[in-house]
N, C-alpha and C. Protein backbone atom coordinates (compact mmCIF):
# COMPACT_ATOMS: atom_id res chain seq x y z
N MET A 1 -75.62 -38.98 24.17
CA MET A 1 -74.69 -39.09 25.29
C MET A 1 -73.70 -40.23 25.00
N ARG A 2 -72.47 -39.93 25.28
CA ARG A 2 -71.41 -40.92 25.05
C ARG A 2 -71.35 -41.94 26.17
N GLU A 3 -70.97 -43.14 25.76
CA GLU A 3 -70.78 -44.24 26.68
C GLU A 3 -69.36 -44.12 27.26
N ASP A 4 -69.14 -44.69 28.42
CA ASP A 4 -67.83 -44.70 29.06
C ASP A 4 -66.74 -45.38 28.21
N TRP A 5 -67.13 -46.33 27.38
CA TRP A 5 -66.16 -47.11 26.64
C TRP A 5 -65.62 -46.35 25.41
N TYR A 6 -66.15 -45.18 25.09
CA TYR A 6 -65.61 -44.37 24.01
C TYR A 6 -64.11 -44.09 24.25
N GLU A 7 -63.78 -43.81 25.50
CA GLU A 7 -62.37 -43.57 25.80
C GLU A 7 -61.50 -44.78 25.52
N ALA A 8 -62.02 -45.98 25.88
CA ALA A 8 -61.28 -47.22 25.60
C ALA A 8 -61.12 -47.39 24.08
N LEU A 9 -62.15 -47.11 23.36
CA LEU A 9 -62.11 -47.21 21.88
C LEU A 9 -61.03 -46.28 21.33
N GLU A 10 -61.04 -45.03 21.77
CA GLU A 10 -60.01 -44.08 21.31
C GLU A 10 -58.60 -44.59 21.71
N ALA A 11 -58.44 -45.07 22.90
CA ALA A 11 -57.11 -45.48 23.40
C ALA A 11 -56.60 -46.64 22.51
N VAL A 12 -57.48 -47.60 22.22
CA VAL A 12 -57.05 -48.73 21.36
C VAL A 12 -56.69 -48.23 19.97
N LEU A 13 -57.49 -47.37 19.40
CA LEU A 13 -57.21 -46.85 18.06
C LEU A 13 -55.86 -46.08 18.01
N MET A 14 -55.58 -45.36 19.08
CA MET A 14 -54.38 -44.55 19.11
C MET A 14 -53.09 -45.42 19.12
N ILE A 15 -53.14 -46.60 19.76
CA ILE A 15 -51.91 -47.36 19.86
C ILE A 15 -51.77 -48.42 18.80
N SER A 16 -52.79 -48.65 18.01
CA SER A 16 -52.71 -49.66 17.02
C SER A 16 -51.90 -49.28 15.84
N ALA A 17 -50.96 -50.18 15.44
CA ALA A 17 -50.12 -49.91 14.28
C ALA A 17 -50.82 -50.22 12.99
N GLU A 18 -51.89 -50.99 13.03
CA GLU A 18 -52.62 -51.40 11.86
C GLU A 18 -54.07 -50.97 11.99
N PRO A 19 -54.78 -50.75 10.89
CA PRO A 19 -56.20 -50.42 10.94
C PRO A 19 -56.98 -51.57 11.61
N LEU A 20 -57.97 -51.19 12.42
CA LEU A 20 -58.78 -52.17 13.13
C LEU A 20 -60.20 -52.18 12.57
N THR A 21 -60.76 -53.36 12.37
CA THR A 21 -62.12 -53.44 11.88
C THR A 21 -63.09 -53.22 13.02
N ALA A 22 -64.32 -52.91 12.68
CA ALA A 22 -65.38 -52.74 13.70
C ALA A 22 -65.55 -54.04 14.46
N ASP A 23 -65.43 -55.18 13.76
CA ASP A 23 -65.57 -56.46 14.42
C ASP A 23 -64.45 -56.70 15.44
N ASP A 24 -63.21 -56.32 15.03
CA ASP A 24 -62.09 -56.46 15.98
C ASP A 24 -62.28 -55.62 17.22
N LEU A 25 -62.71 -54.41 17.01
CA LEU A 25 -62.93 -53.47 18.11
C LEU A 25 -64.04 -53.97 19.01
N ALA A 26 -65.15 -54.43 18.42
CA ALA A 26 -66.28 -54.91 19.18
C ALA A 26 -65.89 -56.12 20.05
N GLN A 27 -65.18 -57.07 19.42
CA GLN A 27 -64.77 -58.25 20.12
C GLN A 27 -63.78 -57.91 21.26
N GLY A 28 -62.76 -57.08 20.90
CA GLY A 28 -61.74 -56.71 21.86
C GLY A 28 -62.23 -55.94 23.05
N LEU A 29 -63.25 -55.13 22.84
CA LEU A 29 -63.76 -54.31 23.91
C LEU A 29 -65.04 -54.81 24.54
N GLY A 30 -65.54 -55.90 23.97
CA GLY A 30 -66.74 -56.52 24.54
C GLY A 30 -68.00 -55.65 24.33
N ILE A 31 -68.05 -55.09 23.15
CA ILE A 31 -69.18 -54.16 22.79
C ILE A 31 -69.78 -54.68 21.51
N ASP A 32 -71.10 -54.43 21.30
CA ASP A 32 -71.69 -54.94 20.09
C ASP A 32 -71.24 -54.08 18.92
N ARG A 33 -71.20 -54.71 17.72
CA ARG A 33 -70.69 -54.05 16.53
C ARG A 33 -71.45 -52.78 16.15
N ALA A 34 -72.74 -52.77 16.28
CA ALA A 34 -73.53 -51.60 15.95
C ALA A 34 -73.12 -50.40 16.81
N SER A 35 -72.90 -50.63 18.08
CA SER A 35 -72.45 -49.56 18.94
C SER A 35 -71.09 -49.02 18.55
N VAL A 36 -70.18 -49.95 18.18
CA VAL A 36 -68.86 -49.56 17.76
C VAL A 36 -68.95 -48.71 16.45
N GLU A 37 -69.75 -49.15 15.52
CA GLU A 37 -69.93 -48.38 14.27
C GLU A 37 -70.49 -46.97 14.54
N THR A 38 -71.43 -46.88 15.47
CA THR A 38 -71.96 -45.55 15.83
C THR A 38 -70.87 -44.73 16.48
N ALA A 39 -70.10 -45.32 17.37
CA ALA A 39 -69.03 -44.59 18.05
C ALA A 39 -67.96 -44.15 17.06
N LEU A 40 -67.61 -44.97 16.10
CA LEU A 40 -66.61 -44.59 15.14
C LEU A 40 -67.10 -43.39 14.34
N ALA A 41 -68.36 -43.40 13.91
CA ALA A 41 -68.91 -42.23 13.15
C ALA A 41 -68.91 -41.00 14.05
N ASP A 42 -69.28 -41.14 15.34
CA ASP A 42 -69.27 -40.01 16.28
C ASP A 42 -67.89 -39.42 16.44
N LEU A 43 -66.94 -40.30 16.66
CA LEU A 43 -65.61 -39.85 16.85
C LEU A 43 -65.00 -39.16 15.61
N ALA A 44 -65.27 -39.75 14.45
CA ALA A 44 -64.78 -39.15 13.21
C ALA A 44 -65.40 -37.75 13.01
N ALA A 45 -66.68 -37.62 13.33
CA ALA A 45 -67.33 -36.31 13.21
C ALA A 45 -66.72 -35.33 14.21
N ASP A 46 -66.48 -35.77 15.42
CA ASP A 46 -65.87 -34.88 16.42
C ASP A 46 -64.48 -34.40 16.00
N TYR A 47 -63.65 -35.33 15.49
CA TYR A 47 -62.32 -34.96 15.07
C TYR A 47 -62.32 -34.01 13.90
N ASP A 48 -63.37 -34.12 13.05
CA ASP A 48 -63.53 -33.23 11.91
C ASP A 48 -64.13 -31.89 12.23
N GLY A 49 -64.47 -31.68 13.52
CA GLY A 49 -64.99 -30.35 13.93
C GLY A 49 -66.47 -30.22 13.73
N LEU A 50 -67.15 -31.29 13.55
CA LEU A 50 -68.62 -31.28 13.34
C LEU A 50 -69.31 -31.38 14.71
N ASN A 51 -70.59 -31.07 14.70
CA ASN A 51 -71.42 -31.20 15.95
C ASN A 51 -70.89 -30.28 17.08
N GLY A 52 -70.36 -29.12 16.71
CA GLY A 52 -69.96 -28.16 17.71
C GLY A 52 -68.56 -28.42 18.32
N SER A 53 -67.82 -29.42 17.83
CA SER A 53 -66.51 -29.67 18.38
C SER A 53 -65.47 -28.90 17.60
N VAL A 54 -64.22 -28.93 18.10
CA VAL A 54 -63.11 -28.25 17.44
C VAL A 54 -62.39 -29.22 16.53
N ARG A 55 -62.10 -28.84 15.29
CA ARG A 55 -61.37 -29.70 14.36
C ARG A 55 -59.97 -29.99 14.93
N ARG A 56 -59.58 -31.24 14.84
CA ARG A 56 -58.29 -31.67 15.39
C ARG A 56 -57.25 -31.81 14.31
N GLY A 57 -55.98 -31.93 14.68
CA GLY A 57 -54.90 -32.11 13.75
C GLY A 57 -54.79 -33.58 13.33
N PHE A 58 -55.65 -34.41 13.87
CA PHE A 58 -55.68 -35.83 13.51
C PHE A 58 -57.08 -36.18 13.07
N GLN A 59 -57.21 -37.34 12.48
CA GLN A 59 -58.54 -37.76 12.00
C GLN A 59 -58.68 -39.28 12.24
N LEU A 60 -59.92 -39.69 12.20
CA LEU A 60 -60.30 -41.11 12.27
C LEU A 60 -60.78 -41.44 10.86
N ARG A 61 -60.10 -42.36 10.20
CA ARG A 61 -60.52 -42.65 8.84
C ARG A 61 -60.50 -44.10 8.55
N ALA A 62 -61.33 -44.50 7.60
CA ALA A 62 -61.34 -45.90 7.14
C ALA A 62 -60.11 -46.13 6.30
N SER A 63 -59.41 -47.21 6.52
CA SER A 63 -58.18 -47.53 5.81
C SER A 63 -57.95 -49.03 5.77
N ASN A 64 -57.74 -49.57 4.59
CA ASN A 64 -57.46 -50.99 4.42
C ASN A 64 -58.47 -51.90 5.11
N GLY A 65 -59.74 -51.55 5.00
CA GLY A 65 -60.78 -52.38 5.58
C GLY A 65 -61.01 -52.20 7.06
N GLY A 66 -60.29 -51.27 7.68
CA GLY A 66 -60.44 -51.03 9.09
C GLY A 66 -60.45 -49.53 9.38
N TRP A 67 -60.23 -49.18 10.64
CA TRP A 67 -60.19 -47.78 11.08
C TRP A 67 -58.89 -47.48 11.78
N ARG A 68 -58.38 -46.25 11.57
CA ARG A 68 -57.18 -45.84 12.24
C ARG A 68 -57.21 -44.34 12.46
N ILE A 69 -56.48 -43.94 13.51
CA ILE A 69 -56.28 -42.52 13.75
C ILE A 69 -54.95 -42.12 13.13
N SER A 70 -54.97 -41.00 12.37
CA SER A 70 -53.75 -40.55 11.75
C SER A 70 -53.75 -39.01 11.70
N SER A 71 -52.56 -38.48 11.50
CA SER A 71 -52.48 -37.01 11.34
C SER A 71 -53.12 -36.64 10.03
N ARG A 72 -53.64 -35.41 9.97
CA ARG A 72 -54.28 -34.95 8.75
C ARG A 72 -53.23 -34.67 7.70
N GLU A 73 -53.62 -34.95 6.45
CA GLU A 73 -52.67 -34.75 5.33
C GLU A 73 -52.12 -33.35 5.32
N GLU A 74 -52.93 -32.36 5.59
CA GLU A 74 -52.47 -30.99 5.55
C GLU A 74 -51.49 -30.66 6.66
N GLN A 75 -51.32 -31.56 7.61
CA GLN A 75 -50.36 -31.37 8.72
C GLN A 75 -48.99 -32.09 8.39
N PHE A 76 -48.89 -32.66 7.21
CA PHE A 76 -47.69 -33.45 6.88
C PHE A 76 -46.41 -32.65 7.14
N ASP A 77 -46.33 -31.37 6.63
CA ASP A 77 -45.11 -30.64 6.77
C ASP A 77 -44.78 -30.33 8.23
N ASN A 78 -45.83 -30.09 9.06
CA ASN A 78 -45.58 -29.85 10.49
C ASN A 78 -45.09 -31.10 11.20
N VAL A 79 -45.72 -32.22 10.88
CA VAL A 79 -45.32 -33.47 11.50
C VAL A 79 -43.89 -33.88 11.07
N LYS A 80 -43.64 -33.75 9.78
CA LYS A 80 -42.27 -34.05 9.25
C LYS A 80 -41.26 -33.17 9.88
N GLY A 81 -41.52 -31.88 9.95
CA GLY A 81 -40.61 -30.93 10.59
C GLY A 81 -40.27 -31.27 12.02
N PHE A 82 -41.33 -31.66 12.71
CA PHE A 82 -41.13 -32.06 14.10
C PHE A 82 -40.27 -33.30 14.23
N LEU A 83 -40.56 -34.30 13.44
CA LEU A 83 -39.87 -35.57 13.54
C LEU A 83 -38.38 -35.44 13.15
N VAL A 84 -38.09 -34.60 12.19
CA VAL A 84 -36.66 -34.57 11.73
C VAL A 84 -35.89 -33.40 12.37
N ARG A 85 -36.53 -32.49 13.06
CA ARG A 85 -35.84 -31.32 13.66
C ARG A 85 -34.76 -31.81 14.65
N GLY A 86 -33.55 -31.36 14.48
CA GLY A 86 -32.51 -31.67 15.40
C GLY A 86 -32.04 -33.10 15.34
N GLN A 87 -32.54 -33.88 14.38
CA GLN A 87 -32.17 -35.29 14.33
C GLN A 87 -31.34 -35.60 13.10
N SER A 88 -30.74 -34.57 12.48
CA SER A 88 -30.07 -34.81 11.24
C SER A 88 -28.90 -35.81 11.36
N SER A 89 -28.31 -35.92 12.52
CA SER A 89 -27.21 -36.91 12.65
C SER A 89 -27.49 -38.04 13.66
N LYS A 90 -28.61 -37.91 14.40
CA LYS A 90 -28.90 -38.89 15.44
C LYS A 90 -30.04 -39.81 14.95
N MET A 91 -29.77 -41.11 15.04
CA MET A 91 -30.81 -42.11 14.76
C MET A 91 -30.73 -43.17 15.81
N SER A 92 -31.88 -43.70 16.15
CA SER A 92 -31.95 -44.79 17.16
C SER A 92 -31.28 -46.05 16.59
N GLN A 93 -30.93 -46.93 17.48
CA GLN A 93 -30.36 -48.22 17.08
C GLN A 93 -31.36 -48.97 16.21
N ALA A 94 -32.63 -48.92 16.58
CA ALA A 94 -33.70 -49.55 15.80
C ALA A 94 -33.77 -48.99 14.41
N ALA A 95 -33.65 -47.68 14.24
CA ALA A 95 -33.69 -47.05 12.94
C ALA A 95 -32.48 -47.47 12.12
N LEU A 96 -31.33 -47.49 12.71
CA LEU A 96 -30.10 -47.90 12.00
C LEU A 96 -30.20 -49.37 11.53
N GLU A 97 -30.68 -50.23 12.39
CA GLU A 97 -30.83 -51.63 12.02
C GLU A 97 -31.84 -51.80 10.88
N THR A 98 -32.95 -51.10 11.01
CA THR A 98 -33.99 -51.22 9.95
C THR A 98 -33.48 -50.67 8.65
N LEU A 99 -32.78 -49.55 8.70
CA LEU A 99 -32.18 -48.97 7.49
C LEU A 99 -31.15 -49.94 6.85
N ALA A 100 -30.40 -50.60 7.66
CA ALA A 100 -29.44 -51.58 7.15
C ALA A 100 -30.14 -52.74 6.45
N VAL A 101 -31.23 -53.19 7.03
CA VAL A 101 -31.97 -54.29 6.42
C VAL A 101 -32.50 -53.86 5.04
N VAL A 102 -33.08 -52.64 5.00
CA VAL A 102 -33.56 -52.15 3.71
C VAL A 102 -32.42 -52.02 2.71
N ALA A 103 -31.30 -51.43 3.15
CA ALA A 103 -30.19 -51.22 2.24
C ALA A 103 -29.64 -52.51 1.66
N TYR A 104 -29.52 -53.55 2.47
CA TYR A 104 -28.95 -54.82 2.00
C TYR A 104 -29.96 -55.79 1.43
N ALA A 105 -31.23 -55.64 1.68
CA ALA A 105 -32.22 -56.62 1.21
C ALA A 105 -33.22 -56.04 0.22
N GLN A 106 -33.05 -54.80 -0.19
CA GLN A 106 -34.02 -54.13 -1.06
C GLN A 106 -34.17 -54.74 -2.41
N PRO A 107 -35.37 -54.64 -3.01
CA PRO A 107 -36.61 -54.13 -2.37
C PRO A 107 -37.11 -55.12 -1.33
N VAL A 108 -37.67 -54.62 -0.25
CA VAL A 108 -38.08 -55.47 0.89
C VAL A 108 -39.39 -54.96 1.45
N THR A 109 -40.21 -55.90 1.85
CA THR A 109 -41.55 -55.53 2.46
C THR A 109 -41.35 -55.27 3.97
N ARG A 110 -42.33 -54.56 4.53
CA ARG A 110 -42.31 -54.32 5.96
C ARG A 110 -42.34 -55.65 6.73
N ALA A 111 -43.12 -56.58 6.24
CA ALA A 111 -43.22 -57.90 6.94
C ALA A 111 -41.85 -58.58 6.95
N ARG A 112 -41.13 -58.48 5.87
CA ARG A 112 -39.80 -59.12 5.75
C ARG A 112 -38.81 -58.43 6.70
N ILE A 113 -38.90 -57.11 6.77
CA ILE A 113 -38.03 -56.36 7.69
C ILE A 113 -38.30 -56.81 9.12
N SER A 114 -39.58 -56.89 9.44
CA SER A 114 -39.97 -57.35 10.81
C SER A 114 -39.44 -58.74 11.09
N ALA A 115 -39.53 -59.62 10.11
CA ALA A 115 -39.09 -61.00 10.26
C ALA A 115 -37.58 -61.06 10.52
N ILE A 116 -36.83 -60.25 9.76
CA ILE A 116 -35.38 -60.23 9.92
C ILE A 116 -34.99 -59.65 11.24
N ARG A 117 -35.63 -58.56 11.64
CA ARG A 117 -35.27 -57.91 12.92
C ARG A 117 -35.91 -58.60 14.11
N GLY A 118 -37.04 -59.28 13.89
CA GLY A 118 -37.69 -59.97 15.01
C GLY A 118 -38.57 -59.08 15.87
N VAL A 119 -38.87 -57.89 15.39
CA VAL A 119 -39.71 -56.95 16.12
C VAL A 119 -40.63 -56.22 15.11
N ASN A 120 -41.67 -55.56 15.58
CA ASN A 120 -42.54 -54.74 14.78
C ASN A 120 -41.75 -53.49 14.37
N VAL A 121 -41.72 -53.16 13.07
CA VAL A 121 -40.94 -52.03 12.62
C VAL A 121 -41.81 -50.91 12.00
N ASP A 122 -43.13 -50.95 12.21
CA ASP A 122 -44.02 -49.97 11.64
C ASP A 122 -43.62 -48.50 11.97
N GLY A 123 -43.35 -48.23 13.22
CA GLY A 123 -42.98 -46.86 13.59
C GLY A 123 -41.65 -46.44 13.02
N VAL A 124 -40.70 -47.36 13.03
CA VAL A 124 -39.36 -47.02 12.53
C VAL A 124 -39.44 -46.79 11.02
N VAL A 125 -40.21 -47.63 10.30
CA VAL A 125 -40.35 -47.44 8.85
C VAL A 125 -40.99 -46.08 8.55
N ARG A 126 -42.01 -45.72 9.32
CA ARG A 126 -42.64 -44.37 9.12
C ARG A 126 -41.61 -43.27 9.33
N THR A 127 -40.81 -43.40 10.35
CA THR A 127 -39.79 -42.37 10.63
C THR A 127 -38.76 -42.29 9.52
N LEU A 128 -38.31 -43.44 8.99
CA LEU A 128 -37.32 -43.47 7.88
C LEU A 128 -37.96 -42.87 6.60
N LEU A 129 -39.25 -43.16 6.39
CA LEU A 129 -39.94 -42.54 5.25
C LEU A 129 -40.02 -41.03 5.41
N MET A 130 -40.37 -40.58 6.63
CA MET A 130 -40.51 -39.14 6.84
C MET A 130 -39.13 -38.43 6.69
N ARG A 131 -38.07 -39.09 7.05
CA ARG A 131 -36.73 -38.50 6.94
C ARG A 131 -36.21 -38.59 5.49
N GLY A 132 -36.93 -39.33 4.64
CA GLY A 132 -36.56 -39.46 3.24
C GLY A 132 -35.40 -40.43 3.00
N LEU A 133 -35.13 -41.26 3.97
CA LEU A 133 -34.01 -42.21 3.80
C LEU A 133 -34.44 -43.45 3.03
N ILE A 134 -35.73 -43.76 3.08
CA ILE A 134 -36.27 -44.88 2.30
C ILE A 134 -37.52 -44.38 1.58
N VAL A 135 -37.89 -45.10 0.50
CA VAL A 135 -39.09 -44.75 -0.25
C VAL A 135 -39.84 -46.05 -0.59
N GLU A 136 -41.14 -45.88 -0.85
CA GLU A 136 -41.95 -47.01 -1.31
C GLU A 136 -41.77 -47.15 -2.80
N VAL A 137 -41.81 -48.38 -3.27
CA VAL A 137 -41.76 -48.66 -4.69
C VAL A 137 -42.94 -49.57 -5.02
N ASP A 138 -43.26 -49.66 -6.30
CA ASP A 138 -44.34 -50.54 -6.73
C ASP A 138 -43.98 -51.97 -6.35
N SER A 139 -45.02 -52.71 -6.01
CA SER A 139 -44.85 -54.10 -5.54
C SER A 139 -44.91 -55.03 -6.73
N ASP A 140 -44.00 -55.97 -6.80
CA ASP A 140 -44.08 -57.07 -7.77
C ASP A 140 -44.65 -58.29 -7.07
N ASP A 141 -44.80 -58.18 -5.74
CA ASP A 141 -45.31 -59.26 -4.92
C ASP A 141 -46.73 -59.58 -5.27
N ALA A 142 -47.09 -60.84 -5.42
CA ALA A 142 -48.46 -61.24 -5.75
C ALA A 142 -49.45 -60.75 -4.74
N GLY A 143 -49.05 -60.60 -3.49
CA GLY A 143 -49.91 -60.11 -2.45
C GLY A 143 -50.07 -58.62 -2.41
N GLY A 144 -49.32 -57.93 -3.23
CA GLY A 144 -49.45 -56.45 -3.30
C GLY A 144 -48.87 -55.71 -2.14
N ALA A 145 -48.02 -56.33 -1.32
CA ALA A 145 -47.37 -55.66 -0.20
C ALA A 145 -46.45 -54.55 -0.67
N ARG A 146 -46.42 -53.46 0.08
CA ARG A 146 -45.53 -52.37 -0.28
C ARG A 146 -44.09 -52.80 -0.06
N GLN A 147 -43.26 -52.33 -0.98
CA GLN A 147 -41.84 -52.64 -0.85
C GLN A 147 -41.09 -51.35 -0.63
N TYR A 148 -39.95 -51.41 0.02
CA TYR A 148 -39.14 -50.27 0.32
C TYR A 148 -37.74 -50.43 -0.22
N VAL A 149 -37.20 -49.28 -0.61
CA VAL A 149 -35.81 -49.21 -1.05
C VAL A 149 -35.19 -47.95 -0.45
N THR A 150 -33.88 -47.89 -0.41
CA THR A 150 -33.19 -46.69 0.03
C THR A 150 -33.34 -45.61 -1.00
N SER A 151 -33.19 -44.36 -0.58
CA SER A 151 -33.36 -43.20 -1.45
C SER A 151 -32.04 -42.54 -1.78
N GLN A 152 -32.14 -41.55 -2.60
CA GLN A 152 -30.95 -40.73 -2.93
C GLN A 152 -30.44 -40.02 -1.65
N VAL A 153 -31.37 -39.60 -0.79
CA VAL A 153 -30.98 -38.99 0.46
C VAL A 153 -30.12 -39.93 1.29
N PHE A 154 -30.45 -41.22 1.27
CA PHE A 154 -29.67 -42.23 1.97
C PHE A 154 -28.25 -42.26 1.40
N LEU A 155 -28.17 -42.35 0.09
CA LEU A 155 -26.83 -42.41 -0.56
C LEU A 155 -26.01 -41.17 -0.19
N GLU A 156 -26.63 -39.98 -0.27
CA GLU A 156 -25.94 -38.75 0.07
C GLU A 156 -25.49 -38.75 1.54
N SER A 157 -26.39 -39.24 2.43
CA SER A 157 -26.08 -39.28 3.85
C SER A 157 -24.89 -40.21 4.15
N MET A 158 -24.83 -41.30 3.38
CA MET A 158 -23.72 -42.28 3.56
C MET A 158 -22.46 -41.82 2.86
N GLY A 159 -22.56 -40.80 1.98
CA GLY A 159 -21.40 -40.35 1.26
C GLY A 159 -20.99 -41.28 0.16
N ILE A 160 -21.95 -41.99 -0.46
CA ILE A 160 -21.66 -42.93 -1.55
C ILE A 160 -22.55 -42.55 -2.76
N ASP A 161 -22.15 -43.04 -3.89
CA ASP A 161 -22.87 -42.77 -5.14
C ASP A 161 -23.80 -43.87 -5.52
N SER A 162 -23.53 -45.08 -5.08
CA SER A 162 -24.42 -46.21 -5.40
C SER A 162 -24.36 -47.24 -4.31
N LEU A 163 -25.32 -48.19 -4.34
CA LEU A 163 -25.37 -49.21 -3.32
C LEU A 163 -24.17 -50.20 -3.46
N ASP A 164 -23.54 -50.21 -4.63
CA ASP A 164 -22.38 -51.06 -4.83
C ASP A 164 -21.24 -50.64 -3.88
N GLN A 165 -21.26 -49.44 -3.38
CA GLN A 165 -20.24 -48.97 -2.49
C GLN A 165 -20.47 -49.27 -1.03
N LEU A 166 -21.58 -49.93 -0.74
CA LEU A 166 -21.81 -50.33 0.65
C LEU A 166 -20.79 -51.39 1.02
N PRO A 167 -20.37 -51.39 2.27
CA PRO A 167 -19.42 -52.41 2.69
C PRO A 167 -20.02 -53.81 2.65
N ASP A 168 -19.20 -54.81 2.46
CA ASP A 168 -19.65 -56.19 2.45
C ASP A 168 -20.14 -56.50 3.81
N ILE A 169 -21.37 -57.07 3.87
CA ILE A 169 -21.99 -57.37 5.17
C ILE A 169 -21.56 -58.75 5.70
N ALA A 170 -21.09 -59.62 4.87
CA ALA A 170 -20.76 -61.00 5.25
C ALA A 170 -19.85 -61.06 6.49
N PRO A 171 -18.85 -60.29 6.63
CA PRO A 171 -17.99 -60.40 7.84
C PRO A 171 -18.70 -60.11 9.14
N TYR A 172 -19.84 -59.45 9.07
CA TYR A 172 -20.58 -59.05 10.27
C TYR A 172 -21.73 -60.03 10.62
N LEU A 173 -21.98 -61.01 9.78
CA LEU A 173 -23.03 -61.97 10.02
C LEU A 173 -22.48 -63.19 10.79
N PRO A 174 -23.32 -63.81 11.63
CA PRO A 174 -22.89 -65.07 12.26
C PRO A 174 -22.59 -66.09 11.18
N GLU A 175 -21.76 -67.02 11.48
CA GLU A 175 -21.27 -68.04 10.49
C GLU A 175 -22.44 -68.81 9.88
N ASP A 176 -23.53 -69.07 10.62
CA ASP A 176 -24.59 -69.91 10.13
C ASP A 176 -25.68 -69.14 9.36
N VAL A 177 -25.46 -67.82 9.06
CA VAL A 177 -26.47 -67.04 8.37
C VAL A 177 -25.92 -66.70 6.98
N PRO A 178 -26.67 -67.05 5.90
CA PRO A 178 -26.20 -66.68 4.53
C PRO A 178 -26.15 -65.17 4.36
N ALA A 179 -25.17 -64.67 3.63
CA ALA A 179 -24.97 -63.24 3.43
C ALA A 179 -26.06 -62.62 2.57
N ASP A 180 -26.78 -63.39 1.73
CA ASP A 180 -27.75 -62.80 0.84
C ASP A 180 -29.12 -62.74 1.49
N ASP A 181 -29.32 -63.08 2.73
CA ASP A 181 -30.61 -63.07 3.43
C ASP A 181 -30.92 -61.75 4.04
């Protein structure tokens, strides 16, 4: 029998931008770690269609030392199609700002983008990746953080052949901000 806090566990996993450890979940929900681990296994099995449940289009999986809910890999084309349908020319202000940061500061990590913009950019970066406007590249960073650069789709969308054709950003920066940041 499931405990009432399973719903709280699911809700927290659904809104988290980063994988959460069993310890984080236990502490945050005021539940012992063993119960959280049991619940995570139960939920993962349910989402996978085991124990008489219906397989879902999302899954609960271990990722980067924690747990997260994500769409199933085989649903990639459906999710991508949904995200980009009818949005070929419309992008949010947040997406445009994030894309500009990547274009002018590339290669750049997600943490650096967040620091420049002053907000969490996880969702926006995922959307830009799905739309093919940015791509991940190998990291030279000692910490192994993923780095992002603009793609050929970005260049084509902008109507340019290379990043050298981007307009100079310096006139748009406040006087006390260096242009190369």
